[in-house]
Every structure is written in C-alpha cells, then in structure tokens.
C-alpha cells in the first residue's frame, strides 16, 4: 500500500454531520390555546405553560420518585 492509494478508515472521519432541519408546524398550546410554531413533540408554547400544566400531573408514566407522589 502506497501513499497514493491509501484509503482512510471510517473512524478517522472527523467531519460533522449535517444538521437536520426540524419542520415547525403551527399548533395550539395545550394550556393557553395560543397558536405557535412548534416542533414534532412540543405541546406547550413556553416553559411557563409547561410548568403550570404539568405541576400537579399524576401518572404512572411520569418520571419521578413514587414517595413524592403519595
């Protein structure tokens, strides 16, 4: 193998991947019904709306400690 026909291994690839542009869709906020452009998994228009809407949210799927719910 010479310098002319050397193939660089994949793990030497230091280039950054291209950023995937997220499509924003106009959607109503679940708390205040304000229409705002949001991403695929967003449901609240601001952190304040998210905090007030989920403050007293009790569910078996919530991430947290069970003794704080009781």
N, C-alpha and C. Protein backbone atom coordinates (compact mmCIF):
# COMPACT_ATOMS: atom_id res chain seq x y z
N UNK A 1 0.85 -1.16 0.00
CA UNK A 1 0.00 0.00 0.00
C UNK A 1 0.90 1.23 0.00
N UNK A 2 0.64 2.09 -0.93
CA UNK A 2 1.44 3.30 -1.04
C UNK A 2 0.64 4.51 -0.61
N UNK A 3 1.29 5.61 -0.61
CA UNK A 3 0.65 6.86 -0.19
C UNK A 3 -0.44 7.28 -1.17
N UNK A 4 -0.33 6.90 -2.42
CA UNK A 4 -1.30 7.30 -3.45
C UNK A 4 -2.63 6.55 -3.34
N UNK A 5 -2.60 5.28 -2.98
CA UNK A 5 -3.84 4.50 -2.96
C UNK A 5 -4.30 4.14 -1.54
N UNK A 6 -3.89 4.90 -0.56
CA UNK A 6 -4.29 4.67 0.84
C UNK A 6 -5.74 5.10 1.04
N UNK A 7 -6.55 4.24 1.63
CA UNK A 7 -7.95 4.55 1.91
C UNK A 7 -8.07 4.85 3.40
N UNK A 8 -8.60 6.01 3.71
CA UNK A 8 -8.74 6.43 5.10
C UNK A 8 -9.84 5.61 5.78
N UNK A 9 -9.59 5.01 6.95
CA UNK A 9 -10.62 4.26 7.68
C UNK A 9 -11.76 5.18 8.13
N UNK A 10 -12.95 4.60 8.36
CA UNK A 10 -14.13 5.37 8.75
C UNK A 10 -13.95 6.08 10.09
N UNK A 11 -13.23 5.48 11.01
CA UNK A 11 -13.11 6.09 12.33
C UNK A 11 -12.21 7.33 12.33
N UNK A 12 -11.55 7.64 11.24
CA UNK A 12 -10.78 8.87 11.11
C UNK A 12 -11.62 10.02 10.57
N UNK A 13 -12.85 9.76 10.22
CA UNK A 13 -13.72 10.80 9.67
C UNK A 13 -14.10 11.78 10.78
N UNK A 14 -13.57 12.98 10.73
CA UNK A 14 -13.81 13.99 11.76
C UNK A 14 -14.81 15.05 11.33
N UNK A 15 -15.41 14.91 10.17
CA UNK A 15 -16.37 15.91 9.70
C UNK A 15 -17.68 15.80 10.47
N UNK A 16 -18.30 16.94 10.71
CA UNK A 16 -19.56 16.96 11.45
C UNK A 16 -20.70 16.58 10.52
N UNK A 17 -21.68 15.84 11.03
CA UNK A 17 -22.84 15.53 10.18
C UNK A 17 -23.67 16.78 9.93
N UNK A 18 -24.39 16.79 8.83
CA UNK A 18 -25.24 17.93 8.51
C UNK A 18 -26.40 17.99 9.49
N UNK A 19 -26.71 19.19 9.92
CA UNK A 19 -27.81 19.37 10.86
C UNK A 19 -29.14 19.10 10.16
N UNK A 20 -29.99 18.33 10.83
CA UNK A 20 -31.32 18.04 10.28
C UNK A 20 -32.25 19.18 10.69
N UNK A 21 -32.86 19.81 9.70
CA UNK A 21 -33.74 20.93 9.97
C UNK A 21 -35.11 20.40 10.40
N UNK A 22 -35.53 20.82 11.58
CA UNK A 22 -36.81 20.37 12.11
C UNK A 22 -37.94 21.19 11.50
N UNK A 23 -38.97 20.52 11.03
CA UNK A 23 -40.12 21.21 10.45
C UNK A 23 -41.02 21.70 11.57
N UNK A 24 -41.28 23.00 11.60
CA UNK A 24 -42.14 23.58 12.61
C UNK A 24 -43.56 23.70 12.06
N UNK A 25 -44.52 23.29 12.85
CA UNK A 25 -45.92 23.31 12.46
C UNK A 25 -46.66 24.23 13.43
N UNK A 26 -47.59 25.02 12.92
CA UNK A 26 -48.37 25.88 13.80
C UNK A 26 -49.39 25.03 14.55
N UNK A 27 -49.29 25.06 15.87
CA UNK A 27 -50.11 24.19 16.72
C UNK A 27 -50.56 24.98 17.95
N UNK A 28 -51.73 24.64 18.50
CA UNK A 28 -52.24 25.32 19.68
C UNK A 28 -51.57 24.76 20.93
N UNK A 29 -51.26 25.65 21.85
CA UNK A 29 -50.69 25.27 23.14
C UNK A 29 -51.76 24.51 23.93
N UNK A 30 -51.37 23.44 24.63
CA UNK A 30 -52.33 22.64 25.39
C UNK A 30 -52.89 23.38 26.59
N UNK A 31 -52.22 24.44 27.05
CA UNK A 31 -52.69 25.14 28.24
C UNK A 31 -53.43 26.43 27.90
N UNK A 32 -52.81 27.30 27.08
CA UNK A 32 -53.40 28.63 26.87
C UNK A 32 -54.06 28.79 25.50
N UNK A 33 -54.05 27.76 24.66
CA UNK A 33 -54.66 27.78 23.32
C UNK A 33 -54.09 28.84 22.39
N UNK A 34 -52.86 29.28 22.64
CA UNK A 34 -52.19 30.23 21.76
C UNK A 34 -51.58 29.45 20.59
N UNK A 35 -51.73 29.95 19.37
CA UNK A 35 -51.15 29.29 18.20
C UNK A 35 -49.70 29.71 18.02
N UNK A 36 -48.79 28.72 18.08
CA UNK A 36 -47.36 28.98 17.99
C UNK A 36 -46.75 27.88 17.13
N UNK A 37 -45.68 28.22 16.40
CA UNK A 37 -44.97 27.19 15.63
C UNK A 37 -44.18 26.32 16.60
N UNK A 38 -44.43 25.00 16.52
CA UNK A 38 -43.78 24.05 17.43
C UNK A 38 -43.21 22.89 16.65
N UNK A 39 -42.28 22.20 17.27
CA UNK A 39 -41.69 21.02 16.69
C UNK A 39 -42.61 19.83 16.82
N UNK A 40 -42.13 18.66 16.42
CA UNK A 40 -42.94 17.45 16.37
C UNK A 40 -43.45 17.02 17.74
N UNK A 41 -42.64 17.13 18.79
CA UNK A 41 -43.02 16.62 20.10
C UNK A 41 -43.35 17.72 21.10
N UNK A 42 -43.40 18.96 20.68
CA UNK A 42 -43.71 20.06 21.60
C UNK A 42 -45.22 20.23 21.71
N UNK A 43 -45.69 20.54 22.92
CA UNK A 43 -47.12 20.73 23.14
C UNK A 43 -47.45 22.01 23.88
N UNK A 44 -46.42 22.71 24.40
CA UNK A 44 -46.64 23.94 25.16
C UNK A 44 -45.85 25.07 24.52
N UNK A 45 -46.41 26.28 24.57
CA UNK A 45 -45.79 27.42 23.88
C UNK A 45 -44.58 27.97 24.62
N UNK A 46 -44.48 27.76 25.92
CA UNK A 46 -43.37 28.30 26.69
C UNK A 46 -43.08 27.40 27.89
N UNK A 47 -41.92 27.55 28.51
CA UNK A 47 -41.63 26.78 29.72
C UNK A 47 -42.61 27.08 30.86
N UNK A 48 -43.12 28.30 30.91
CA UNK A 48 -44.10 28.66 31.94
C UNK A 48 -45.38 27.86 31.77
N UNK A 49 -45.87 27.76 30.54
CA UNK A 49 -47.09 26.97 30.28
C UNK A 49 -46.85 25.50 30.61
N UNK A 50 -45.69 24.97 30.26
CA UNK A 50 -45.37 23.58 30.56
C UNK A 50 -45.35 23.34 32.06
N UNK A 51 -44.76 24.27 32.80
CA UNK A 51 -44.67 24.13 34.26
C UNK A 51 -46.06 24.13 34.89
N UNK A 52 -46.89 25.11 34.53
CA UNK A 52 -48.22 25.21 35.13
C UNK A 52 -49.13 24.06 34.71
N UNK A 53 -48.98 23.56 33.50
CA UNK A 53 -49.84 22.48 33.02
C UNK A 53 -49.45 21.14 33.64
N UNK A 54 -48.19 20.94 33.94
CA UNK A 54 -47.75 19.63 34.44
C UNK A 54 -47.38 19.66 35.93
N UNK A 55 -47.67 20.74 36.62
CA UNK A 55 -47.28 20.88 38.02
C UNK A 55 -47.94 19.81 38.90
N UNK A 56 -49.23 19.58 38.73
CA UNK A 56 -49.95 18.61 39.56
C UNK A 56 -50.31 17.37 38.77
N UNK A 57 -49.54 17.05 37.78
CA UNK A 57 -49.81 15.92 36.90
C UNK A 57 -49.39 14.62 37.59
N UNK A 58 -50.34 13.71 37.77
CA UNK A 58 -50.06 12.43 38.42
C UNK A 58 -50.34 11.33 37.41
N UNK A 59 -49.33 10.53 37.15
CA UNK A 59 -49.48 9.45 36.18
C UNK A 59 -48.47 8.36 36.51
N UNK A 60 -48.78 7.13 36.10
CA UNK A 60 -47.86 6.03 36.28
C UNK A 60 -46.67 6.11 35.36
N UNK A 61 -46.77 6.92 34.30
CA UNK A 61 -45.69 7.04 33.33
C UNK A 61 -44.76 8.21 33.61
N UNK A 62 -45.04 8.99 34.64
CA UNK A 62 -44.23 10.16 34.95
C UNK A 62 -42.88 9.73 35.53
N UNK A 63 -41.84 10.40 35.10
CA UNK A 63 -40.52 10.12 35.64
C UNK A 63 -40.40 10.83 36.97
N UNK A 64 -40.13 10.10 38.02
CA UNK A 64 -40.00 10.70 39.34
C UNK A 64 -39.96 9.61 40.39
N UNK A 65 -40.05 10.01 41.62
CA UNK A 65 -39.99 9.07 42.73
C UNK A 65 -41.39 8.83 43.26
N UNK A 66 -41.71 7.60 43.55
CA UNK A 66 -43.07 7.24 43.94
C UNK A 66 -43.45 7.83 45.31
N UNK A 67 -42.50 8.05 46.21
CA UNK A 67 -42.83 8.57 47.53
C UNK A 67 -43.16 10.05 47.50
N UNK A 68 -42.78 10.75 46.44
CA UNK A 68 -43.16 12.17 46.34
C UNK A 68 -44.60 12.32 45.86
N UNK A 69 -45.12 11.30 45.18
CA UNK A 69 -46.49 11.36 44.69
C UNK A 69 -47.48 11.15 45.82
N UNK A 70 -47.12 10.33 46.79
CA UNK A 70 -48.03 9.98 47.88
C UNK A 70 -48.21 11.09 48.86
